[in-house]
């Protein structure tokens, strides 16, 4: 499709969404249970540079989300959880600073994930190990904190937060070992799906360079990101940009010189139009 420069046209044919929220949004089911960082930049790309990103290193986050779920049955078996008083005391001290705005899941995630670096220090693949560890934290914290607790009741909120953190701690070794066995196969399976989505009109979604396996439901995934992060996403932008890129970038070599100024102007126009800003609250 692209006859001029794949890097130039690829820059036109994308939609950028910057996610700005105080904590990671754990377990986005519509997006394959991928774990998204608080300051993640999510991009919908088509063709060009999109295919270049369909490589194993880009599938770690997606695979961690999928493998965590598949390993849960094995790793939850006969797990005994005993939360320490240190967790409860530290959590309540944090909560009491501003009880009304205390976020159970964010507190649980932050405390739990703080141990992942040390947990994976001796691992043969620290990237995969930390992805598994953090994915385990997000899943357990998310599950525990979905239970309703009275707003402002620090003891009740921290009971839930510490329960999630302690379950994650009890499961972490099993989750890391179990997930390690599945990464190679998972990444091989995702490569074909990534390439297919890159060639499709809707394009493929990446967050911080990590492929998002949304199960052929791109619009549902984008809607989940919008709801979770309070952002507006123009779902049609990637398809529109692809059409425009096909027109403006299908010049042959002999016409590049005479059309270059116009091409620059169009590129500037499309680039400016396609950067989405977070919805103003």
C-alpha atoms as a PDB file:
ATOM      1  CA  UNK A   1       0.000   0.000   0.000  1.00  0.00           C
ATOM      2  CA  UNK A   2       2.716   2.463   0.914  1.00  0.00           C
ATOM      3  CA  UNK A   3       5.074   3.452  -1.886  1.00  0.00           C
ATOM      4  CA  UNK A   4       6.751   6.521  -0.423  1.00  0.00           C
ATOM      5  CA  UNK A   5       8.124   5.993   3.060  1.00  0.00           C
ATOM      6  CA  UNK A   6       6.588   3.532   5.482  1.00  0.00           C
ATOM      7  CA  UNK A   7       7.889   5.526   8.442  1.00  0.00           C
ATOM      8  CA  UNK A   8       6.367   8.786   7.171  1.00  0.00           C
ATOM      9  CA  UNK A   9       3.044   7.231   6.217  1.00  0.00           C
ATOM     10  CA  UNK A  10       2.999   5.162   9.382  1.00  0.00           C
ATOM     11  CA  UNK A  11       3.288   8.378  11.362  1.00  0.00           C
ATOM     12  CA  UNK A  12       0.146   9.627   9.623  1.00  0.00           C
ATOM     13  CA  UNK A  13      -1.887   6.448  10.001  1.00  0.00           C
ATOM     14  CA  UNK A  14      -2.183   6.163  13.755  1.00  0.00           C
ATOM     15  CA  UNK A  15      -4.275   7.294  16.650  1.00  0.00           C
ATOM     16  CA  UNK A  16      -2.519   8.185  19.895  1.00  0.00           C
ATOM     17  CA  UNK A  17      -4.182   7.997  23.267  1.00  0.00           C
ATOM     18  CA  UNK A  18      -2.320   9.012  26.421  1.00  0.00           C
ATOM     19  CA  UNK A  19      -3.716   7.425  29.546  1.00  0.00           C
ATOM     20  CA  UNK A  20      -3.433   9.605  32.622  1.00  0.00           C
ATOM     21  CA  UNK A  21      -4.804   8.086  35.799  1.00  0.00           C
ATOM     22  CA  UNK A  22      -3.413   7.727  39.324  1.00  0.00           C
ATOM     23  CA  UNK A  23      -3.038   3.947  39.165  1.00  0.00           C
ATOM     24  CA  UNK A  24      -2.721   1.021  36.769  1.00  0.00           C
ATOM     25  CA  UNK A  25      -6.054  -0.282  35.535  1.00  0.00           C
ATOM     26  CA  UNK A  26      -5.831  -4.002  36.244  1.00  0.00           C
ATOM     27  CA  UNK A  27      -7.393  -6.824  34.276  1.00  0.00           C
ATOM     28  CA  UNK A  28      -9.070  -5.079  31.342  1.00  0.00           C
ATOM     29  CA  UNK A  29     -11.177  -8.052  30.230  1.00  0.00           C
ATOM     30  CA  UNK A  30     -12.165  -6.553  26.865  1.00  0.00           C
ATOM     31  CA  UNK A  31      -8.462  -6.079  26.121  1.00  0.00           C
ATOM     32  CA  UNK A  32      -7.381  -9.623  26.918  1.00  0.00           C
ATOM     33  CA  UNK A  33      -6.845  -8.926  30.640  1.00  0.00           C
ATOM     34  CA  UNK A  34      -3.749  -6.885  29.794  1.00  0.00           C
ATOM     35  CA  UNK A  35      -2.257  -4.788  32.577  1.00  0.00           C
ATOM     36  CA  UNK A  36      -1.953  -1.104  31.624  1.00  0.00           C
ATOM     37  CA  UNK A  37       0.436   1.293  33.347  1.00  0.00           C
ATOM     38  CA  UNK A  38      -0.804   4.588  34.745  1.00  0.00           C
ATOM     39  CA  UNK A  39       1.053   6.702  32.186  1.00  0.00           C
ATOM     40  CA  UNK A  40       0.713   4.320  29.232  1.00  0.00           C
ATOM     41  CA  UNK A  41       0.505   5.616  25.677  1.00  0.00           C
ATOM     42  CA  UNK A  42      -1.844   3.527  23.559  1.00  0.00           C
ATOM     43  CA  UNK A  43      -1.663   3.656  19.776  1.00  0.00           C
ATOM     44  CA  UNK A  44      -3.811   2.189  17.002  1.00  0.00           C
ATOM     45  CA  UNK A  45      -1.556   1.561  13.997  1.00  0.00           C
ATOM     46  CA  UNK A  46      -2.056   0.191  10.479  1.00  0.00           C
ATOM     47  CA  UNK A  47       0.457  -1.330   8.064  1.00  0.00           C
ATOM     48  CA  UNK A  48       3.899   0.354   7.909  1.00  0.00           C
ATOM     49  CA  UNK A  49       5.498   0.421  11.322  1.00  0.00           C
ATOM     50  CA  UNK A  50       2.700  -1.731  12.712  1.00  0.00           C
ATOM     51  CA  UNK A  51       4.069  -4.974  11.245  1.00  0.00           C
ATOM     52  CA  UNK A  52       7.536  -4.173  12.564  1.00  0.00           C
ATOM     53  CA  UNK A  53       6.134  -4.284  16.104  1.00  0.00           C
ATOM     54  CA  UNK A  54       4.749  -7.816  15.689  1.00  0.00           C
ATOM     55  CA  UNK A  55       7.710  -9.457  17.407  1.00  0.00           C
ATOM     56  CA  UNK A  56       8.016 -11.556  20.591  1.00  0.00           C
ATOM     57  CA  UNK A  57       9.202  -8.658  22.771  1.00  0.00           C
ATOM     58  CA  UNK A  58       5.873  -6.906  22.109  1.00  0.00           C
ATOM     59  CA  UNK A  59       3.747  -9.782  23.384  1.00  0.00           C
ATOM     60  CA  UNK A  60       4.957 -10.062  26.992  1.00  0.00           C
ATOM     61  CA  UNK A  61       2.142  -8.027  28.569  1.00  0.00           C
ATOM     62  CA  UNK A  62      -0.626  -9.698  26.572  1.00  0.00           C
ATOM     63  CA  UNK A  63       0.719 -13.152  27.340  1.00  0.00           C
ATOM     64  CA  UNK A  64       1.058 -12.357  31.033  1.00  0.00           C
ATOM     65  CA  UNK A  65      -2.623 -11.388  31.181  1.00  0.00           C
ATOM     66  CA  UNK A  66      -3.706 -14.572  29.435  1.00  0.00           C
ATOM     67  CA  UNK A  67      -1.339 -16.876  31.306  1.00  0.00           C
ATOM     68  CA  UNK A  68      -2.234 -15.461  34.715  1.00  0.00           C
ATOM     69  CA  UNK A  69      -5.858 -16.420  34.144  1.00  0.00           C
ATOM     70  CA  UNK A  70      -4.978 -19.910  32.905  1.00  0.00           C
ATOM     71  CA  UNK A  71      -2.635 -20.519  35.863  1.00  0.00           C
ATOM     72  CA  UNK A  72      -5.130 -19.360  38.488  1.00  0.00           C
ATOM     73  CA  UNK A  73      -6.736 -22.771  39.010  1.00  0.00           C
ATOM     74  CA  UNK A  74      -3.386 -24.413  39.607  1.00  0.00           C
ATOM     75  CA  UNK A  75      -1.952 -21.652  41.783  1.00  0.00           C
ATOM     76  CA  UNK A  76      -5.021 -21.037  43.930  1.00  0.00           C
ATOM     77  CA  UNK A  77      -5.184 -24.664  45.039  1.00  0.00           C
ATOM     78  CA  UNK A  78      -4.700 -25.097  48.788  1.00  0.00           C
ATOM     79  CA  UNK A  79      -3.224 -21.613  49.253  1.00  0.00           C
ATOM     80  CA  UNK A  80      -3.287 -20.453  52.847  1.00  0.00           C
ATOM     81  CA  UNK A  81      -3.243 -16.708  53.259  1.00  0.00           C
ATOM     82  CA  UNK A  82      -2.208 -15.072  56.504  1.00  0.00           C
ATOM     83  CA  UNK A  83      -1.992 -11.297  56.275  1.00  0.00           C
ATOM     84  CA  UNK A  84       0.521  -9.669  58.535  1.00  0.00           C
ATOM     85  CA  UNK A  85      -0.292  -6.877  60.943  1.00  0.00           C
ATOM     86  CA  UNK A  86       2.384  -4.799  59.204  1.00  0.00           C
ATOM     87  CA  UNK A  87       0.260  -4.626  56.054  1.00  0.00           C
ATOM     88  CA  UNK A  88      -2.853  -3.559  57.918  1.00  0.00           C
ATOM     89  CA  UNK A  89      -1.054  -0.948  60.026  1.00  0.00           C
ATOM     90  CA  UNK A  90       0.757   0.610  57.073  1.00  0.00           C
ATOM     91  CA  UNK A  91      -2.375   0.608  54.929  1.00  0.00           C
ATOM     92  CA  UNK A  92      -4.530   2.248  57.594  1.00  0.00           C
ATOM     93  CA  UNK A  93      -1.901   4.926  58.173  1.00  0.00           C
ATOM     94  CA  UNK A  94      -1.976   5.691  54.433  1.00  0.00           C
ATOM     95  CA  UNK A  95      -5.766   5.661  54.321  1.00  0.00           C
ATOM     96  CA  UNK A  96      -6.239   7.956  57.305  1.00  0.00           C
ATOM     97  CA  UNK A  97      -4.436  10.801  55.516  1.00  0.00           C
ATOM     98  CA  UNK A  98      -7.544  11.189  53.328  1.00  0.00           C
ATOM     99  CA  UNK A  99     -10.077   8.400  53.954  1.00  0.00           C
ATOM    100  CA  UNK A 100     -12.565   9.623  51.361  1.00  0.00           C
ATOM    101  CA  UNK A 101     -10.142   9.327  48.457  1.00  0.00           C
ATOM    102  CA  UNK A 102      -8.418   6.090  49.473  1.00  0.00           C
ATOM    103  CA  UNK A 103      -8.180   3.688  46.519  1.00  0.00           C
ATOM    104  CA  UNK A 104      -8.124   0.068  47.673  1.00  0.00           C
ATOM    105  CA  UNK A 105      -6.836  -1.375  44.401  1.00  0.00           C
ATOM    106  CA  UNK A 106      -4.214   1.301  43.833  1.00  0.00           C
ATOM    107  CA  UNK A 107      -2.852   0.887  47.356  1.00  0.00           C
ATOM    108  CA  UNK A 108      -2.795  -2.897  47.056  1.00  0.00           C
ATOM    109  CA  UNK A 109      -1.103  -2.778  43.634  1.00  0.00           C
ATOM    110  CA  UNK A 110       1.548  -0.294  44.695  1.00  0.00           C
ATOM    111  CA  UNK A 111       2.505  -2.236  47.802  1.00  0.00           C
ATOM    112  CA  UNK A 112       2.436  -5.623  46.078  1.00  0.00           C
ATOM    113  CA  UNK A 113       4.340  -4.592  42.933  1.00  0.00           C
ATOM    114  CA  UNK A 114       7.059  -2.975  44.998  1.00  0.00           C
ATOM    115  CA  UNK A 115       8.387  -6.461  45.748  1.00  0.00           C
ATOM    116  CA  UNK A 116       8.442  -7.697  42.133  1.00  0.00           C
ATOM    117  CA  UNK A 117      11.888  -6.342  41.287  1.00  0.00           C
ATOM    118  CA  UNK A 118      13.497  -8.185  44.195  1.00  0.00           C
ATOM    119  CA  UNK A 119      11.362 -11.260  43.509  1.00  0.00           C
ATOM    120  CA  UNK A 120      12.743 -11.473  39.963  1.00  0.00           C
ATOM    121  CA  UNK A 121      16.337 -10.409  40.642  1.00  0.00           C
ATOM    122  CA  UNK A 122      17.756 -13.877  40.001  1.00  0.00           C
ATOM    123  CA  UNK A 123      15.385 -14.763  37.164  1.00  0.00           C
ATOM    124  CA  UNK A 124      16.725 -15.825  33.786  1.00  0.00           C
ATOM    125  CA  UNK A 125      14.212 -13.499  32.107  1.00  0.00           C
ATOM    126  CA  UNK A 126      13.473 -10.553  34.368  1.00  0.00           C
ATOM    127  CA  UNK A 127      11.087  -8.911  31.898  1.00  0.00           C
ATOM    128  CA  UNK A 128       8.782 -11.925  31.766  1.00  0.00           C
ATOM    129  CA  UNK A 129       9.189 -12.590  35.485  1.00  0.00           C
ATOM    130  CA  UNK A 130       8.242  -9.038  36.471  1.00  0.00           C
ATOM    131  CA  UNK A 131       5.317  -9.059  34.034  1.00  0.00           C
ATOM    132  CA  UNK A 132       4.066 -12.261  35.678  1.00  0.00           C
ATOM    133  CA  UNK A 133       4.602 -10.888  39.179  1.00  0.00           C
ATOM    134  CA  UNK A 134       2.859  -7.577  38.482  1.00  0.00           C
ATOM    135  CA  UNK A 135       0.055  -9.302  36.583  1.00  0.00           C
ATOM    136  CA  UNK A 136      -0.484 -11.546  39.593  1.00  0.00           C
ATOM    137  CA  UNK A 137      -0.630  -8.491  41.872  1.00  0.00           C
ATOM    138  CA  UNK A 138      -3.127  -6.744  39.630  1.00  0.00           C
ATOM    139  CA  UNK A 139      -5.379  -9.778  39.370  1.00  0.00           C
ATOM    140  CA  UNK A 140      -5.468 -10.502  43.097  1.00  0.00           C
ATOM    141  CA  UNK A 141      -5.806  -6.840  44.104  1.00  0.00           C
ATOM    142  CA  UNK A 142      -8.530  -6.301  41.532  1.00  0.00           C
ATOM    143  CA  UNK A 143     -10.490  -9.342  42.676  1.00  0.00           C
ATOM    144  CA  UNK A 144     -10.222  -8.446  46.364  1.00  0.00           C
ATOM    145  CA  UNK A 145     -11.075  -4.762  45.965  1.00  0.00           C
ATOM    146  CA  UNK A 146     -14.226  -5.342  43.900  1.00  0.00           C
ATOM    147  CA  UNK A 147     -15.998  -6.073  47.206  1.00  0.00           C
ATOM    148  CA  UNK A 148     -17.834  -2.985  48.425  1.00  0.00           C
ATOM    149  CA  UNK A 149     -16.535  -1.434  51.638  1.00  0.00           C
ATOM    150  CA  UNK A 150     -17.867   1.711  53.341  1.00  0.00           C
ATOM    151  CA  UNK A 151     -16.158   4.801  51.970  1.00  0.00           C
ATOM    152  CA  UNK A 152     -13.920   6.333  54.584  1.00  0.00           C
ATOM    153  CA  UNK A 153     -13.801   3.160  56.697  1.00  0.00           C
ATOM    154  CA  UNK A 154     -10.045   2.595  56.658  1.00  0.00           C
ATOM    155  CA  UNK A 155     -10.134  -0.679  58.542  1.00  0.00           C
ATOM    156  CA  UNK A 156     -12.641  -2.232  56.130  1.00  0.00           C
ATOM    157  CA  UNK A 157     -10.866  -0.851  53.051  1.00  0.00           C
ATOM    158  CA  UNK A 158      -7.498  -2.086  54.273  1.00  0.00           C
ATOM    159  CA  UNK A 159      -8.877  -5.519  55.104  1.00  0.00           C
ATOM    160  CA  UNK A 160      -9.636  -5.870  51.386  1.00  0.00           C
ATOM    161  CA  UNK A 161      -6.383  -4.298  50.208  1.00  0.00           C
ATOM    162  CA  UNK A 162      -4.236  -6.478  52.454  1.00  0.00           C
ATOM    163  CA  UNK A 163      -6.214  -9.582  51.574  1.00  0.00           C
ATOM    164  CA  UNK A 164      -5.447  -9.034  47.883  1.00  0.00           C
ATOM    165  CA  UNK A 165      -1.792  -8.288  48.549  1.00  0.00           C
ATOM    166  CA  UNK A 166      -1.342 -11.342  50.727  1.00  0.00           C
ATOM    167  CA  UNK A 167      -3.052 -13.661  48.260  1.00  0.00           C
ATOM    168  CA  UNK A 168      -0.770 -12.318  45.539  1.00  0.00           C
ATOM    169  CA  UNK A 169       2.259 -12.931  47.742  1.00  0.00           C
ATOM    170  CA  UNK A 170       1.109 -16.483  48.472  1.00  0.00           C
ATOM    171  CA  UNK A 171       0.585 -17.206  44.765  1.00  0.00           C
ATOM    172  CA  UNK A 172       3.534 -15.387  43.216  1.00  0.00           C
ATOM    173  CA  UNK A 173       6.071 -18.227  43.010  1.00  0.00           C
ATOM    174  CA  UNK A 174       3.532 -20.574  41.472  1.00  0.00           C
ATOM    175  CA  UNK A 175       2.315 -17.920  39.019  1.00  0.00           C
ATOM    176  CA  UNK A 176       5.834 -17.027  37.875  1.00  0.00           C
ATOM    177  CA  UNK A 177       6.779 -20.690  37.346  1.00  0.00           C
ATOM    178  CA  UNK A 178       3.500 -21.582  35.671  1.00  0.00           C
ATOM    179  CA  UNK A 179       3.515 -18.592  33.332  1.00  0.00           C
ATOM    180  CA  UNK A 180       7.162 -19.147  32.378  1.00  0.00           C
ATOM    181  CA  UNK A 181       6.174 -22.445  30.779  1.00  0.00           C
ATOM    182  CA  UNK A 182       3.629 -20.783  28.500  1.00  0.00           C
ATOM    183  CA  UNK A 183       5.301 -17.624  27.181  1.00  0.00           C
ATOM    184  CA  UNK A 184       6.984 -19.209  24.139  1.00  0.00           C
ATOM    185  CA  UNK A 185       3.791 -20.783  22.794  1.00  0.00           C
ATOM    186  CA  UNK A 186       1.678 -17.740  23.634  1.00  0.00           C
ATOM    187  CA  UNK A 187       4.026 -15.360  21.804  1.00  0.00           C
ATOM    188  CA  UNK A 188       4.141 -17.620  18.748  1.00  0.00           C
ATOM    189  CA  UNK A 189       0.339 -17.657  18.600  1.00  0.00           C
ATOM    190  CA  UNK A 190       0.052 -13.885  19.001  1.00  0.00           C
ATOM    191  CA  UNK A 191       2.475 -13.104  16.178  1.00  0.00           C
ATOM    192  CA  UNK A 192       0.052 -14.231  13.471  1.00  0.00           C
ATOM    193  CA  UNK A 193      -2.844 -12.382  15.059  1.00  0.00           C
ATOM    194  CA  UNK A 194      -0.810  -9.196  15.337  1.00  0.00           C
ATOM    195  CA  UNK A 195       0.187  -9.286  11.671  1.00  0.00           C
ATOM    196  CA  UNK A 196      -3.406  -9.920  10.607  1.00  0.00           C
ATOM    197  CA  UNK A 197      -4.669  -6.958  12.629  1.00  0.00           C
ATOM    198  CA  UNK A 198      -1.961  -4.703  11.204  1.00  0.00           C
ATOM    199  CA  UNK A 199      -3.220  -5.474   7.698  1.00  0.00           C
ATOM    200  CA  UNK A 200      -6.878  -4.984   8.614  1.00  0.00           C
ATOM    201  CA  UNK A 201      -8.529  -1.568   8.106  1.00  0.00           C
ATOM    202  CA  UNK A 202      -9.114  -1.167  11.852  1.00  0.00           C
ATOM    203  CA  UNK A 203      -5.423  -1.696  12.666  1.00  0.00           C
ATOM    204  CA  UNK A 204      -3.733  -3.124  15.760  1.00  0.00           C
ATOM    205  CA  UNK A 205      -3.642  -1.626  19.242  1.00  0.00           C
ATOM    206  CA  UNK A 206      -0.386  -1.215  21.187  1.00  0.00           C
ATOM    207  CA  UNK A 207       0.122   0.208  24.685  1.00  0.00           C
ATOM    208  CA  UNK A 208       3.705   1.294  25.428  1.00  0.00           C
ATOM    209  CA  UNK A 209       4.837  -0.850  22.515  1.00  0.00           C
ATOM    210  CA  UNK A 210       2.998  -3.920  23.833  1.00  0.00           C
ATOM    211  CA  UNK A 211       0.455  -5.576  21.538  1.00  0.00           C
ATOM    212  CA  UNK A 212      -3.066  -5.651  22.980  1.00  0.00           C
ATOM    213  CA  UNK A 213      -4.857  -8.899  22.153  1.00  0.00           C
ATOM    214  CA  UNK A 214      -8.479  -7.723  22.185  1.00  0.00           C
ATOM    215  CA  UNK A 215      -9.941 -10.857  20.584  1.00  0.00           C
ATOM    216  CA  UNK A 216     -11.247  -9.149  17.417  1.00  0.00           C
ATOM    217  CA  UNK A 217     -13.203  -6.658  19.513  1.00  0.00           C
ATOM    218  CA  UNK A 218     -11.171  -3.486  19.047  1.00  0.00           C
ATOM    219  CA  UNK A 219     -14.119  -1.173  19.660  1.00  0.00           C
ATOM    220  CA  UNK A 220     -15.014  -2.934  22.917  1.00  0.00           C
ATOM    221  CA  UNK A 221     -11.418  -2.703  24.074  1.00  0.00           C
ATOM    222  CA  UNK A 222     -11.217   0.999  23.246  1.00  0.00           C
ATOM    223  CA  UNK A 223     -14.544   1.541  25.035  1.00  0.00           C
ATOM    224  CA  UNK A 224     -13.137  -0.209  28.113  1.00  0.00           C
ATOM    225  CA  UNK A 225     -10.072   2.028  28.044  1.00  0.00           C
ATOM    226  CA  UNK A 226     -12.312   5.069  27.685  1.00  0.00           C
ATOM    227  CA  UNK A 227     -14.455   4.021  30.626  1.00  0.00           C
ATOM    228  CA  UNK A 228     -11.515   3.047  32.820  1.00  0.00           C
ATOM    229  CA  UNK A 229      -9.384   6.103  32.040  1.00  0.00           C
ATOM    230  CA  UNK A 230     -12.033   8.722  31.237  1.00  0.00           C
ATOM    231  CA  UNK A 231     -10.634   9.288  27.754  1.00  0.00           C
ATOM    232  CA  UNK A 232     -12.212   9.943  24.368  1.00  0.00           C
ATOM    233  CA  UNK A 233     -11.094   7.729  21.474  1.00  0.00           C
ATOM    234  CA  UNK A 234     -12.009   8.274  17.842  1.00  0.00           C
ATOM    235  CA  UNK A 235     -12.393   4.642  16.788  1.00  0.00           C
ATOM    236  CA  UNK A 236     -12.710   5.594  13.119  1.00  0.00           C
ATOM    237  CA  UNK A 237      -9.524   7.654  13.013  1.00  0.00           C
ATOM    238  CA  UNK A 238      -7.200   4.781  12.114  1.00  0.00           C
ATOM    239  CA  UNK A 239      -9.382   3.680   9.202  1.00  0.00           C
ATOM    240  CA  UNK A 240      -9.752   7.253   7.949  1.00  0.00           C
ATOM    241  CA  UNK A 241      -6.046   7.880   8.304  1.00  0.00           C
ATOM    242  CA  UNK A 242      -5.274   4.689   6.398  1.00  0.00           C
ATOM    243  CA  UNK A 243      -7.432   5.858   3.500  1.00  0.00           C
ATOM    244  CA  UNK A 244      -5.767   9.271   3.478  1.00  0.00           C
ATOM    245  CA  UNK A 245      -2.317   7.697   3.716  1.00  0.00           C
ATOM    246  CA  UNK A 246      -3.113   5.463   0.770  1.00  0.00           C
ATOM    247  CA  UNK A 247      -3.905   8.522  -1.322  1.00  0.00           C
ATOM    248  CA  UNK A 248      -1.099  10.811  -0.212  1.00  0.00           C
ATOM    249  CA  UNK A 249       1.586   8.163   0.023  1.00  0.00           C
ATOM    250  CA  UNK A 250       1.017   6.213  -3.178  1.00  0.00           C
ATOM    251  CA  UNK A 251       3.122   8.474  -5.343  1.00  0.00           C
ATOM    252  CA  UNK A 252       5.735   6.967  -7.610  1.00  0.00           C
ATOM    253  CA  UNK A 253       9.375   7.964  -7.382  1.00  0.00           C
ATOM    254  CA  UNK A 254       9.187  10.417 -10.275  1.00  0.00           C
ATOM    255  CA  UNK A 255       6.462  12.501  -8.644  1.00  0.00           C
ATOM    256  CA  UNK A 256       7.966  12.781  -5.185  1.00  0.00           C
ATOM    257  CA  UNK A 257       9.981  15.913  -5.902  1.00  0.00           C
ATOM    258  CA  UNK A 258       7.129  18.023  -7.251  1.00  0.00           C
ATOM    259  CA  UNK A 259       4.626  16.903  -4.581  1.00  0.00           C
ATOM    260  CA  UNK A 260       6.880  17.014  -1.529  1.00  0.00           C
ATOM    261  CA  UNK A 261       5.725  20.419  -0.115  1.00  0.00           C
ATOM    262  CA  UNK A 262       2.093  19.346  -0.420  1.00  0.00           C
ATOM    263  CA  UNK A 263       2.907  16.024   1.201  1.00  0.00           C
ATOM    264  CA  UNK A 264       4.505  17.791   4.145  1.00  0.00           C
ATOM    265  CA  UNK A 265       1.482  20.008   4.598  1.00  0.00           C
ATOM    266  CA  UNK A 266      -0.883  17.033   4.532  1.00  0.00           C
ATOM    267  CA  UNK A 267       1.289  15.092   6.924  1.00  0.00           C
ATOM    268  CA  UNK A 268       1.299  17.986   9.371  1.00  0.00           C
ATOM    269  CA  UNK A 269      -2.476  18.356   9.095  1.00  0.00           C
ATOM    270  CA  UNK A 270      -3.211  14.677   9.686  1.00  0.00           C
ATOM    271  CA  UNK A 271      -0.701  14.345  12.507  1.00  0.00           C
ATOM    272  CA  UNK A 272      -2.251  17.262  14.336  1.00  0.00           C
ATOM    273  CA  UNK A 273      -5.787  15.984  13.811  1.00  0.00           C
ATOM    274  CA  UNK A 274      -5.107  12.478  15.009  1.00  0.00           C
ATOM    275  CA  UNK A 275      -3.594  13.208  18.435  1.00  0.00           C
ATOM    276  CA  UNK A 276      -6.394  12.678  20.893  1.00  0.00           C
ATOM    277  CA  UNK A 277      -6.475  14.503  24.123  1.00  0.00           C
ATOM    278  CA  UNK A 278      -7.870  13.248  27.401  1.00  0.00           C
ATOM    279  CA  UNK A 279     -11.447  14.318  27.914  1.00  0.00           C
ATOM    280  CA  UNK A 280     -11.655  17.327  30.125  1.00  0.00           C
ATOM    281  CA  UNK A 281     -13.376  16.479  33.398  1.00  0.00           C
END
